[in-house]
Amino acid sequence: MTLAIILGVVVLVGLYLWYATIVTRRNRVGEALAGVDVQLTQRHDLIPNLLAVAKRFMTHERALIEEITALRARGTQAVGVTDPAAIAGKFAAEDKLGTDLQRLFAVAEAYPDLKSQAPMMEAQRGLSEVETNIAAARRFYNSAVADLRNAIQIFPGSLLAGMAGASVPPPFFEARAEDRAAIDASAHL
């Protein structure tokens, strides 16, 4: 009888500790996602200044500038999204925005007057720094998601995940297929 009570208490304490681990890791994912959102917001704040400088010179690139403006608006609306399904869409839109910004800088190279403008150079430096911070925030987010998924998938986590509000883990941030492809250096020479 005493052994059964002791064993019961040990099991309950173990379940509670596992539950607490899941909740802690779920909150860490939320914190990491908020960190990604902070960096994305900084990116979104830099874009209008960058586009204002570019518009003066790049009248032929109107479609690209309009697309970046639209993607920025969508990205701004997605900041703070915590629904696992919506997070994947947010990451996809941000990937497209990052690609278009790289295209903008590549096109800007063809405009010597634009390329040499101090505001454009400063915007490029600022955006490069933000992109580095976004990459770091995404790595932290993916690490937190991996920890949460492990806690959920290892028994008894699968039993406790629903009670801990983590039954559907958020998606990983994953690089697009074209970003994973081997780089052909001859195309850039």
N, C-alpha and C. Protein backbone atom coordinates (compact mmCIF):
# COMPACT_ATOMS: atom_id res chain seq x y z
N MET A 1 0.82 -1.19 0.00
CA MET A 1 0.00 0.00 0.00
C MET A 1 0.87 1.26 0.00
N THR A 2 1.84 1.34 0.91
CA THR A 2 2.73 2.49 0.99
C THR A 2 3.57 2.61 -0.28
N LEU A 3 4.01 1.48 -0.80
CA LEU A 3 4.79 1.48 -2.04
C LEU A 3 3.96 2.01 -3.20
N ALA A 4 2.69 1.65 -3.24
CA ALA A 4 1.79 2.12 -4.30
C ALA A 4 1.59 3.62 -4.21
N ILE A 5 1.48 4.14 -2.99
CA ILE A 5 1.31 5.59 -2.81
C ILE A 5 2.57 6.32 -3.24
N ILE A 6 3.71 5.81 -2.83
CA ILE A 6 4.99 6.43 -3.20
C ILE A 6 5.16 6.39 -4.72
N LEU A 7 4.87 5.25 -5.31
CA LEU A 7 4.97 5.12 -6.76
C LEU A 7 4.00 6.08 -7.46
N GLY A 8 2.79 6.20 -6.94
CA GLY A 8 1.81 7.13 -7.50
C GLY A 8 2.27 8.56 -7.43
N VAL A 9 2.85 8.95 -6.31
CA VAL A 9 3.37 10.31 -6.14
C VAL A 9 4.52 10.55 -7.11
N VAL A 10 5.40 9.59 -7.25
CA VAL A 10 6.54 9.72 -8.17
C VAL A 10 6.04 9.89 -9.61
N VAL A 11 5.06 9.10 -9.98
CA VAL A 11 4.50 9.19 -11.33
C VAL A 11 3.85 10.56 -11.54
N LEU A 12 3.08 11.03 -10.58
CA LEU A 12 2.42 12.34 -10.69
C LEU A 12 3.45 13.47 -10.78
N VAL A 13 4.48 13.39 -9.97
CA VAL A 13 5.54 14.40 -10.03
C VAL A 13 6.23 14.36 -11.39
N GLY A 14 6.50 13.16 -11.88
CA GLY A 14 7.13 13.02 -13.20
C GLY A 14 6.25 13.59 -14.31
N LEU A 15 4.96 13.30 -14.26
CA LEU A 15 4.04 13.85 -15.27
C LEU A 15 3.98 15.38 -15.18
N TYR A 16 3.93 15.89 -13.96
CA TYR A 16 3.91 17.34 -13.79
C TYR A 16 5.17 17.97 -14.37
N LEU A 17 6.32 17.39 -14.09
CA LEU A 17 7.58 17.94 -14.61
C LEU A 17 7.61 17.90 -16.13
N TRP A 18 7.08 16.83 -16.73
CA TRP A 18 7.05 16.75 -18.19
C TRP A 18 6.09 17.81 -18.74
N TYR A 19 4.94 17.96 -18.09
CA TYR A 19 3.97 18.99 -18.47
C TYR A 19 4.62 20.37 -18.40
N ALA A 20 5.33 20.63 -17.33
CA ALA A 20 6.00 21.92 -17.15
C ALA A 20 7.06 22.13 -18.24
N THR A 21 7.74 21.05 -18.63
CA THR A 21 8.73 21.14 -19.70
C THR A 21 8.07 21.53 -21.01
N ILE A 22 6.93 20.92 -21.32
CA ILE A 22 6.22 21.24 -22.56
C ILE A 22 5.77 22.70 -22.55
N VAL A 23 5.21 23.15 -21.45
CA VAL A 23 4.74 24.53 -21.35
C VAL A 23 5.92 25.50 -21.50
N THR A 24 7.02 25.20 -20.83
CA THR A 24 8.21 26.05 -20.93
C THR A 24 8.71 26.13 -22.36
N ARG A 25 8.76 25.01 -23.04
CA ARG A 25 9.25 24.98 -24.42
C ARG A 25 8.26 25.64 -25.37
N ARG A 26 6.96 25.48 -25.11
CA ARG A 26 5.95 26.17 -25.92
C ARG A 26 6.14 27.69 -25.79
N ASN A 27 6.39 28.14 -24.57
CA ASN A 27 6.61 29.57 -24.35
C ASN A 27 7.91 30.05 -24.99
N ARG A 28 8.92 29.18 -24.99
CA ARG A 28 10.19 29.54 -25.65
C ARG A 28 9.98 29.71 -27.15
N VAL A 29 9.13 28.86 -27.74
CA VAL A 29 8.82 29.01 -29.16
C VAL A 29 8.13 30.35 -29.39
N GLY A 30 7.19 30.71 -28.52
CA GLY A 30 6.53 32.00 -28.64
C GLY A 30 7.51 33.15 -28.53
N GLU A 31 8.45 33.04 -27.61
CA GLU A 31 9.48 34.06 -27.46
C GLU A 31 10.35 34.15 -28.71
N ALA A 32 10.73 33.00 -29.25
CA ALA A 32 11.56 32.98 -30.45
C ALA A 32 10.80 33.56 -31.64
N LEU A 33 9.54 33.23 -31.76
CA LEU A 33 8.72 33.78 -32.85
C LEU A 33 8.59 35.29 -32.71
N ALA A 34 8.46 35.77 -31.49
CA ALA A 34 8.40 37.21 -31.26
C ALA A 34 9.73 37.86 -31.67
N GLY A 35 10.84 37.18 -31.41
CA GLY A 35 12.14 37.70 -31.84
C GLY A 35 12.25 37.79 -33.35
N VAL A 36 11.72 36.79 -34.04
CA VAL A 36 11.69 36.84 -35.51
C VAL A 36 10.83 38.02 -35.95
N ASP A 37 9.68 38.20 -35.31
CA ASP A 37 8.79 39.31 -35.66
C ASP A 37 9.44 40.67 -35.45
N VAL A 38 10.23 40.80 -34.39
CA VAL A 38 10.93 42.07 -34.15
C VAL A 38 11.87 42.37 -35.32
N GLN A 39 12.61 41.36 -35.75
CA GLN A 39 13.54 41.56 -36.86
C GLN A 39 12.80 41.84 -38.16
N LEU A 40 11.69 41.14 -38.38
CA LEU A 40 10.91 41.37 -39.59
C LEU A 40 10.31 42.77 -39.58
N THR A 41 9.90 43.25 -38.42
CA THR A 41 9.37 44.61 -38.32
C THR A 41 10.46 45.62 -38.65
N GLN A 42 11.68 45.38 -38.19
CA GLN A 42 12.78 46.28 -38.55
C GLN A 42 12.99 46.29 -40.05
N ARG A 43 12.90 45.11 -40.67
CA ARG A 43 13.03 45.03 -42.12
C ARG A 43 11.91 45.84 -42.78
N HIS A 44 10.68 45.64 -42.29
CA HIS A 44 9.54 46.35 -42.87
C HIS A 44 9.68 47.87 -42.71
N ASP A 45 10.28 48.30 -41.61
CA ASP A 45 10.48 49.73 -41.38
C ASP A 45 11.54 50.32 -42.31
N LEU A 46 12.52 49.53 -42.70
CA LEU A 46 13.58 50.02 -43.60
C LEU A 46 13.11 50.11 -45.05
N ILE A 47 12.18 49.28 -45.43
CA ILE A 47 11.80 49.17 -46.84
C ILE A 47 11.26 50.48 -47.42
N PRO A 48 10.38 51.22 -46.73
CA PRO A 48 9.89 52.48 -47.35
C PRO A 48 11.03 53.45 -47.67
N ASN A 49 12.01 53.57 -46.79
CA ASN A 49 13.14 54.46 -47.06
C ASN A 49 13.95 53.97 -48.26
N LEU A 50 14.18 52.68 -48.31
CA LEU A 50 14.92 52.10 -49.41
C LEU A 50 14.19 52.34 -50.74
N LEU A 51 12.90 52.11 -50.74
CA LEU A 51 12.12 52.29 -51.97
C LEU A 51 12.02 53.75 -52.37
N ALA A 52 11.97 54.65 -51.40
CA ALA A 52 11.91 56.08 -51.72
C ALA A 52 13.16 56.51 -52.47
N VAL A 53 14.31 56.02 -52.03
CA VAL A 53 15.56 56.34 -52.72
C VAL A 53 15.57 55.70 -54.10
N ALA A 54 15.18 54.45 -54.18
CA ALA A 54 15.23 53.72 -55.44
C ALA A 54 14.25 54.29 -56.47
N LYS A 55 13.08 54.74 -56.04
CA LYS A 55 12.07 55.25 -56.97
C LYS A 55 12.58 56.43 -57.79
N ARG A 56 13.44 57.23 -57.19
CA ARG A 56 13.94 58.41 -57.91
C ARG A 56 14.73 58.00 -59.15
N PHE A 57 15.34 56.85 -59.12
CA PHE A 57 16.22 56.45 -60.20
C PHE A 57 15.66 55.33 -61.07
N MET A 58 14.85 54.49 -60.49
CA MET A 58 14.50 53.23 -61.15
C MET A 58 13.07 53.24 -61.70
N THR A 59 12.79 54.16 -62.57
CA THR A 59 11.43 54.23 -63.13
C THR A 59 11.09 52.98 -63.92
N HIS A 60 12.08 52.32 -64.51
CA HIS A 60 11.82 51.11 -65.31
C HIS A 60 11.52 49.90 -64.43
N GLU A 61 11.81 49.99 -63.17
CA GLU A 61 11.63 48.85 -62.26
C GLU A 61 10.39 49.01 -61.39
N ARG A 62 9.40 49.71 -61.93
CA ARG A 62 8.18 50.01 -61.18
C ARG A 62 7.48 48.75 -60.66
N ALA A 63 7.41 47.70 -61.47
CA ALA A 63 6.72 46.46 -61.06
C ALA A 63 7.42 45.83 -59.85
N LEU A 64 8.73 45.81 -59.85
CA LEU A 64 9.47 45.25 -58.72
C LEU A 64 9.23 46.07 -57.46
N ILE A 65 9.26 47.37 -57.60
CA ILE A 65 9.05 48.24 -56.44
C ILE A 65 7.63 48.07 -55.91
N GLU A 66 6.65 47.96 -56.80
CA GLU A 66 5.26 47.76 -56.36
C GLU A 66 5.09 46.41 -55.68
N GLU A 67 5.76 45.37 -56.20
CA GLU A 67 5.67 44.05 -55.59
C GLU A 67 6.28 44.05 -54.19
N ILE A 68 7.42 44.71 -54.03
CA ILE A 68 8.04 44.80 -52.71
C ILE A 68 7.13 45.55 -51.75
N THR A 69 6.51 46.61 -52.23
CA THR A 69 5.59 47.37 -51.38
C THR A 69 4.42 46.51 -50.93
N ALA A 70 3.86 45.72 -51.85
CA ALA A 70 2.73 44.84 -51.50
C ALA A 70 3.17 43.74 -50.54
N LEU A 71 4.34 43.15 -50.76
CA LEU A 71 4.83 42.11 -49.87
C LEU A 71 5.12 42.66 -48.47
N ARG A 72 5.62 43.87 -48.43
CA ARG A 72 5.87 44.51 -47.13
C ARG A 72 4.55 44.69 -46.38
N ALA A 73 3.52 45.13 -47.08
CA ALA A 73 2.22 45.33 -46.44
C ALA A 73 1.68 44.01 -45.89
N ARG A 74 1.79 42.93 -46.69
CA ARG A 74 1.35 41.61 -46.21
C ARG A 74 2.16 41.15 -45.02
N GLY A 75 3.47 41.38 -45.08
CA GLY A 75 4.35 40.97 -43.99
C GLY A 75 4.06 41.74 -42.71
N THR A 76 3.77 43.03 -42.84
CA THR A 76 3.45 43.85 -41.68
C THR A 76 2.18 43.34 -41.00
N GLN A 77 1.21 42.92 -41.80
CA GLN A 77 -0.04 42.39 -41.24
C GLN A 77 0.18 41.05 -40.54
N ALA A 78 1.19 40.29 -40.97
CA ALA A 78 1.42 38.95 -40.41
C ALA A 78 2.26 38.97 -39.13
N VAL A 79 2.82 40.12 -38.77
CA VAL A 79 3.61 40.20 -37.54
C VAL A 79 2.70 39.88 -36.36
N GLY A 80 3.15 39.00 -35.51
CA GLY A 80 2.38 38.61 -34.34
C GLY A 80 1.52 37.39 -34.53
N VAL A 81 1.48 36.85 -35.75
CA VAL A 81 0.69 35.65 -36.02
C VAL A 81 1.30 34.48 -35.25
N THR A 82 0.45 33.72 -34.54
CA THR A 82 0.96 32.59 -33.76
C THR A 82 0.32 31.27 -34.16
N ASP A 83 -0.67 31.30 -35.03
CA ASP A 83 -1.30 30.07 -35.50
C ASP A 83 -0.31 29.28 -36.34
N PRO A 84 -0.06 28.00 -36.00
CA PRO A 84 0.94 27.22 -36.74
C PRO A 84 0.74 27.23 -38.26
N ALA A 85 -0.48 27.16 -38.73
CA ALA A 85 -0.71 27.17 -40.18
C ALA A 85 -0.37 28.52 -40.77
N ALA A 86 -0.69 29.59 -40.08
CA ALA A 86 -0.42 30.94 -40.58
C ALA A 86 1.07 31.28 -40.54
N ILE A 87 1.79 30.68 -39.61
CA ILE A 87 3.23 30.94 -39.50
C ILE A 87 3.94 30.51 -40.79
N ALA A 88 3.57 29.35 -41.31
CA ALA A 88 4.19 28.86 -42.54
C ALA A 88 3.95 29.84 -43.69
N GLY A 89 2.75 30.38 -43.79
CA GLY A 89 2.45 31.36 -44.83
C GLY A 89 3.23 32.64 -44.64
N LYS A 90 3.39 33.05 -43.38
CA LYS A 90 4.17 34.25 -43.08
C LYS A 90 5.61 34.07 -43.52
N PHE A 91 6.18 32.89 -43.21
CA PHE A 91 7.57 32.64 -43.59
C PHE A 91 7.72 32.62 -45.12
N ALA A 92 6.75 32.07 -45.83
CA ALA A 92 6.81 32.04 -47.29
C ALA A 92 6.78 33.45 -47.86
N ALA A 93 5.90 34.30 -47.33
CA ALA A 93 5.82 35.68 -47.81
C ALA A 93 7.11 36.44 -47.51
N GLU A 94 7.68 36.20 -46.35
CA GLU A 94 8.93 36.88 -46.00
C GLU A 94 10.09 36.40 -46.87
N ASP A 95 10.10 35.13 -47.23
CA ASP A 95 11.12 34.62 -48.16
C ASP A 95 11.03 35.34 -49.50
N LYS A 96 9.81 35.49 -50.00
CA LYS A 96 9.61 36.18 -51.28
C LYS A 96 10.06 37.63 -51.17
N LEU A 97 9.76 38.27 -50.05
CA LEU A 97 10.18 39.64 -49.83
C LEU A 97 11.70 39.74 -49.83
N GLY A 98 12.36 38.81 -49.13
CA GLY A 98 13.82 38.81 -49.11
C GLY A 98 14.42 38.62 -50.49
N THR A 99 13.82 37.73 -51.28
CA THR A 99 14.29 37.50 -52.65
C THR A 99 14.13 38.75 -53.49
N ASP A 100 12.98 39.41 -53.36
CA ASP A 100 12.75 40.62 -54.14
C ASP A 100 13.68 41.75 -53.73
N LEU A 101 14.00 41.83 -52.45
CA LEU A 101 14.94 42.85 -52.00
C LEU A 101 16.33 42.59 -52.59
N GLN A 102 16.72 41.32 -52.65
CA GLN A 102 18.00 40.99 -53.29
C GLN A 102 17.98 41.37 -54.77
N ARG A 103 16.85 41.11 -55.42
CA ARG A 103 16.69 41.51 -56.83
C ARG A 103 16.81 43.02 -56.97
N LEU A 104 16.19 43.77 -56.05
CA LEU A 104 16.25 45.23 -56.09
C LEU A 104 17.70 45.71 -56.01
N PHE A 105 18.47 45.12 -55.10
CA PHE A 105 19.87 45.53 -54.98
C PHE A 105 20.68 45.13 -56.21
N ALA A 106 20.36 44.00 -56.79
CA ALA A 106 21.05 43.59 -58.02
C ALA A 106 20.74 44.55 -59.15
N VAL A 107 19.48 44.94 -59.27
CA VAL A 107 19.08 45.89 -60.31
C VAL A 107 19.72 47.26 -60.04
N ALA A 108 19.80 47.64 -58.76
CA ALA A 108 20.38 48.93 -58.40
C ALA A 108 21.83 49.04 -58.85
N GLU A 109 22.51 47.90 -58.94
CA GLU A 109 23.90 47.92 -59.42
C GLU A 109 24.00 48.48 -60.83
N ALA A 110 22.93 48.35 -61.61
CA ALA A 110 22.94 48.84 -62.99
C ALA A 110 22.71 50.35 -63.06
N TYR A 111 22.41 50.98 -61.95
CA TYR A 111 22.17 52.43 -61.91
C TYR A 111 23.29 53.08 -61.11
N PRO A 112 24.37 53.50 -61.79
CA PRO A 112 25.52 54.04 -61.07
C PRO A 112 25.17 55.22 -60.16
N ASP A 113 24.25 56.08 -60.59
CA ASP A 113 23.88 57.22 -59.75
C ASP A 113 23.19 56.76 -58.47
N LEU A 114 22.38 55.74 -58.59
CA LEU A 114 21.69 55.19 -57.42
C LEU A 114 22.66 54.46 -56.52
N LYS A 115 23.52 53.65 -57.14
CA LYS A 115 24.47 52.84 -56.39
C LYS A 115 25.38 53.70 -55.52
N SER A 116 25.72 54.89 -56.00
CA SER A 116 26.65 55.74 -55.27
C SER A 116 25.96 56.67 -54.27
N GLN A 117 24.65 56.68 -54.25
CA GLN A 117 23.92 57.55 -53.31
C GLN A 117 24.13 57.08 -51.88
N ALA A 118 24.49 57.99 -51.01
CA ALA A 118 24.71 57.65 -49.60
C ALA A 118 23.47 57.04 -48.95
N PRO A 119 22.26 57.58 -49.19
CA PRO A 119 21.09 56.95 -48.57
C PRO A 119 20.88 55.50 -49.03
N MET A 120 21.17 55.21 -50.29
CA MET A 120 21.01 53.85 -50.79
C MET A 120 22.05 52.94 -50.16
N MET A 121 23.27 53.41 -50.05
CA MET A 121 24.32 52.61 -49.44
C MET A 121 24.00 52.35 -47.97
N GLU A 122 23.51 53.36 -47.27
CA GLU A 122 23.15 53.21 -45.86
C GLU A 122 21.98 52.23 -45.71
N ALA A 123 21.00 52.33 -46.61
CA ALA A 123 19.86 51.41 -46.56
C ALA A 123 20.32 49.98 -46.80
N GLN A 124 21.25 49.78 -47.74
CA GLN A 124 21.77 48.44 -48.01
C GLN A 124 22.50 47.89 -46.79
N ARG A 125 23.30 48.72 -46.14
CA ARG A 125 24.02 48.28 -44.93
C ARG A 125 23.03 47.93 -43.82
N GLY A 126 22.04 48.79 -43.62
CA GLY A 126 21.04 48.53 -42.58
C GLY A 126 20.25 47.26 -42.86
N LEU A 127 19.87 47.08 -44.11
CA LEU A 127 19.11 45.89 -44.47
C LEU A 127 19.97 44.63 -44.34
N SER A 128 21.23 44.73 -44.69
CA SER A 128 22.13 43.58 -44.54
C SER A 128 22.25 43.18 -43.07
N GLU A 129 22.33 44.16 -42.19
CA GLU A 129 22.41 43.88 -40.76
C GLU A 129 21.11 43.23 -40.27
N VAL A 130 19.98 43.77 -40.71
CA VAL A 130 18.69 43.20 -40.31
C VAL A 130 18.54 41.77 -40.83
N GLU A 131 18.97 41.52 -42.06
CA GLU A 131 18.89 40.17 -42.63
C GLU A 131 19.73 39.19 -41.82
N THR A 132 20.89 39.63 -41.36
CA THR A 132 21.73 38.79 -40.50
C THR A 132 21.01 38.49 -39.18
N ASN A 133 20.37 39.51 -38.62
CA ASN A 133 19.62 39.32 -37.37
C ASN A 133 18.40 38.41 -37.58
N ILE A 134 17.75 38.53 -38.74
CA ILE A 134 16.62 37.66 -39.05
C ILE A 134 17.09 36.21 -39.11
N ALA A 135 18.22 35.97 -39.75
CA ALA A 135 18.75 34.61 -39.84
C ALA A 135 19.04 34.05 -38.45
N ALA A 136 19.62 34.86 -37.58
CA ALA A 136 19.91 34.40 -36.22
C ALA A 136 18.61 34.13 -35.45
N ALA A 137 17.63 35.00 -35.61
CA ALA A 137 16.35 34.81 -34.92
C ALA A 137 15.65 33.56 -35.42
N ARG A 138 15.75 33.29 -36.70
CA ARG A 138 15.14 32.07 -37.26
C ARG A 138 15.83 30.82 -36.74
N ARG A 139 17.15 30.87 -36.58
CA ARG A 139 17.86 29.72 -36.01
C ARG A 139 17.40 29.47 -34.58
N PHE A 140 17.25 30.52 -33.80
CA PHE A 140 16.78 30.39 -32.42
C PHE A 140 15.35 29.83 -32.41
N TYR A 141 14.53 30.32 -33.32
CA TYR A 141 13.15 29.83 -33.43
C TYR A 141 13.14 28.34 -33.77
N ASN A 142 13.91 27.94 -34.77
CA ASN A 142 13.95 26.52 -35.16
C ASN A 142 14.44 25.64 -34.02
N SER A 143 15.41 26.12 -33.26
CA SER A 143 15.91 25.36 -32.11
C SER A 143 14.80 25.19 -31.06
N ALA A 144 14.07 26.26 -30.81
CA ALA A 144 12.97 26.19 -29.84
C ALA A 144 11.86 25.26 -30.32
N VAL A 145 11.55 25.30 -31.62
CA VAL A 145 10.54 24.40 -32.18
C VAL A 145 11.00 22.94 -32.05
N ALA A 146 12.27 22.69 -32.33
CA ALA A 146 12.80 21.32 -32.21
C ALA A 146 12.69 20.82 -30.77
N ASP A 147 13.03 21.66 -29.82
CA ASP A 147 12.92 21.27 -28.40
C ASP A 147 11.47 20.96 -28.04
N LEU A 148 10.54 21.80 -28.50
CA LEU A 148 9.12 21.58 -28.21
C LEU A 148 8.64 20.29 -28.86
N ARG A 149 9.00 20.09 -30.12
CA ARG A 149 8.56 18.87 -30.80
C ARG A 149 9.11 17.62 -30.11
N ASN A 150 10.35 17.67 -29.66
CA ASN A 150 10.91 16.53 -28.94
C ASN A 150 10.14 16.27 -27.66
N ALA A 151 9.84 17.33 -26.92
CA ALA A 151 9.10 17.15 -25.66
C ALA A 151 7.70 16.60 -25.91
N ILE A 152 7.09 16.98 -27.02
CA ILE A 152 5.75 16.50 -27.35
C ILE A 152 5.78 15.05 -27.84
N GLN A 153 6.78 14.72 -28.62
CA GLN A 153 6.80 13.41 -29.27
C GLN A 153 7.34 12.30 -28.39
N ILE A 154 8.09 12.63 -27.36
CA ILE A 154 8.63 11.61 -26.46
C ILE A 154 7.60 11.34 -25.37
N PHE A 155 7.30 10.07 -25.16
CA PHE A 155 6.31 9.68 -24.15
C PHE A 155 6.75 10.18 -22.78
N PRO A 156 5.91 10.74 -22.00
CA PRO A 156 4.47 10.91 -22.04
C PRO A 156 4.03 12.24 -22.64
N GLY A 157 4.93 12.92 -23.33
CA GLY A 157 4.60 14.22 -23.92
C GLY A 157 3.41 14.18 -24.84
N SER A 158 3.29 13.09 -25.59
CA SER A 158 2.17 12.98 -26.51
C SER A 158 0.84 12.97 -25.76
N LEU A 159 0.83 12.48 -24.53
CA LEU A 159 -0.39 12.47 -23.72
C LEU A 159 -0.67 13.83 -23.09
N LEU A 160 0.38 14.58 -22.82
CA LEU A 160 0.25 15.85 -22.10
C LEU A 160 0.20 17.07 -23.03
N ALA A 161 0.54 16.91 -24.30
CA ALA A 161 0.64 18.05 -25.22
C ALA A 161 -0.65 18.84 -25.32
N GLY A 162 -1.77 18.16 -25.42
CA GLY A 162 -3.06 18.85 -25.52
C GLY A 162 -3.35 19.69 -24.29
N MET A 163 -3.07 19.14 -23.11
CA MET A 163 -3.31 19.89 -21.87
C MET A 163 -2.38 21.09 -21.76
N ALA A 164 -1.19 20.99 -22.36
CA ALA A 164 -0.21 22.07 -22.29
C ALA A 164 -0.39 23.09 -23.42
N GLY A 165 -1.42 22.90 -24.25
CA GLY A 165 -1.68 23.84 -25.34
C GLY A 165 -0.68 23.74 -26.47
N ALA A 166 -0.13 22.55 -26.67
CA ALA A 166 0.90 22.38 -27.69
C ALA A 166 0.63 21.15 -28.55
N SER A 167 -0.63 20.85 -28.79
CA SER A 167 -0.95 19.64 -29.56
C SER A 167 -0.54 19.77 -31.03
N VAL A 168 -0.55 20.98 -31.57
CA VAL A 168 -0.11 21.21 -32.96
C VAL A 168 1.15 22.06 -32.88
N PRO A 169 2.31 21.45 -33.06
CA PRO A 169 3.54 22.25 -32.97
C PRO A 169 3.67 23.18 -34.17
N PRO A 170 4.27 24.33 -33.96
CA PRO A 170 4.46 25.26 -35.07
C PRO A 170 5.46 24.70 -36.07
N PRO A 171 5.40 25.20 -37.31
CA PRO A 171 6.32 24.68 -38.33
C PRO A 171 7.73 25.22 -38.14
N PHE A 172 8.68 24.49 -38.69
CA PHE A 172 10.04 24.98 -38.76
C PHE A 172 10.11 26.04 -39.86
N PHE A 173 11.06 26.94 -39.71
CA PHE A 173 11.39 27.80 -40.84
C PHE A 173 12.31 26.97 -41.72
N GLU A 174 11.95 26.82 -42.98
CA GLU A 174 12.75 26.03 -43.91
C GLU A 174 13.12 26.87 -45.12
N ALA A 175 14.33 26.68 -45.58
CA ALA A 175 14.78 27.38 -46.78
C ALA A 175 14.02 26.85 -47.99
N ARG A 176 13.81 27.75 -48.94
CA ARG A 176 13.12 27.35 -50.16
C ARG A 176 14.02 26.43 -50.98
N ALA A 177 13.42 25.66 -51.86
CA ALA A 177 14.18 24.71 -52.69
C ALA A 177 15.25 25.42 -53.50
N GLU A 178 14.92 26.60 -54.05
CA GLU A 178 15.93 27.30 -54.86
C GLU A 178 17.10 27.79 -54.02
N ASP A 179 16.87 28.03 -52.72
CA ASP A 179 17.97 28.44 -51.84
C ASP A 179 18.87 27.27 -51.48
N ARG A 180 18.35 26.05 -51.59
CA ARG A 180 19.13 24.85 -51.26
C ARG A 180 19.96 24.36 -52.45
N ALA A 181 19.62 24.82 -53.63
CA ALA A 181 20.30 24.35 -54.84
C ALA A 181 21.76 24.82 -54.83
N ALA A 182 22.59 24.05 -55.49
CA ALA A 182 24.00 24.40 -55.60
C ALA A 182 24.14 25.71 -56.38
N ILE A 183 25.07 26.54 -56.00
CA ILE A 183 25.29 27.82 -56.67
C ILE A 183 26.22 27.61 -57.85
N ASP A 184 25.79 28.12 -58.99
CA ASP A 184 26.61 28.06 -60.21
C ASP A 184 27.38 29.37 -60.29
N ALA A 185 28.62 29.34 -59.88
CA ALA A 185 29.45 30.56 -59.84
C ALA A 185 29.66 31.14 -61.23
N SER A 186 29.66 30.33 -62.26
CA SER A 186 29.88 30.87 -63.61
C SER A 186 28.75 31.79 -64.03
N ALA A 187 27.56 31.63 -63.46
CA ALA A 187 26.44 32.51 -63.82
C ALA A 187 26.63 33.90 -63.24
N HIS A 188 27.50 34.05 -62.25
CA HIS A 188 27.72 35.34 -61.62
C HIS A 188 29.00 36.02 -62.08
N LEU A 189 29.70 35.40 -62.98
CA LEU A 189 30.98 35.98 -63.44
C LEU A 189 30.78 36.78 -64.69
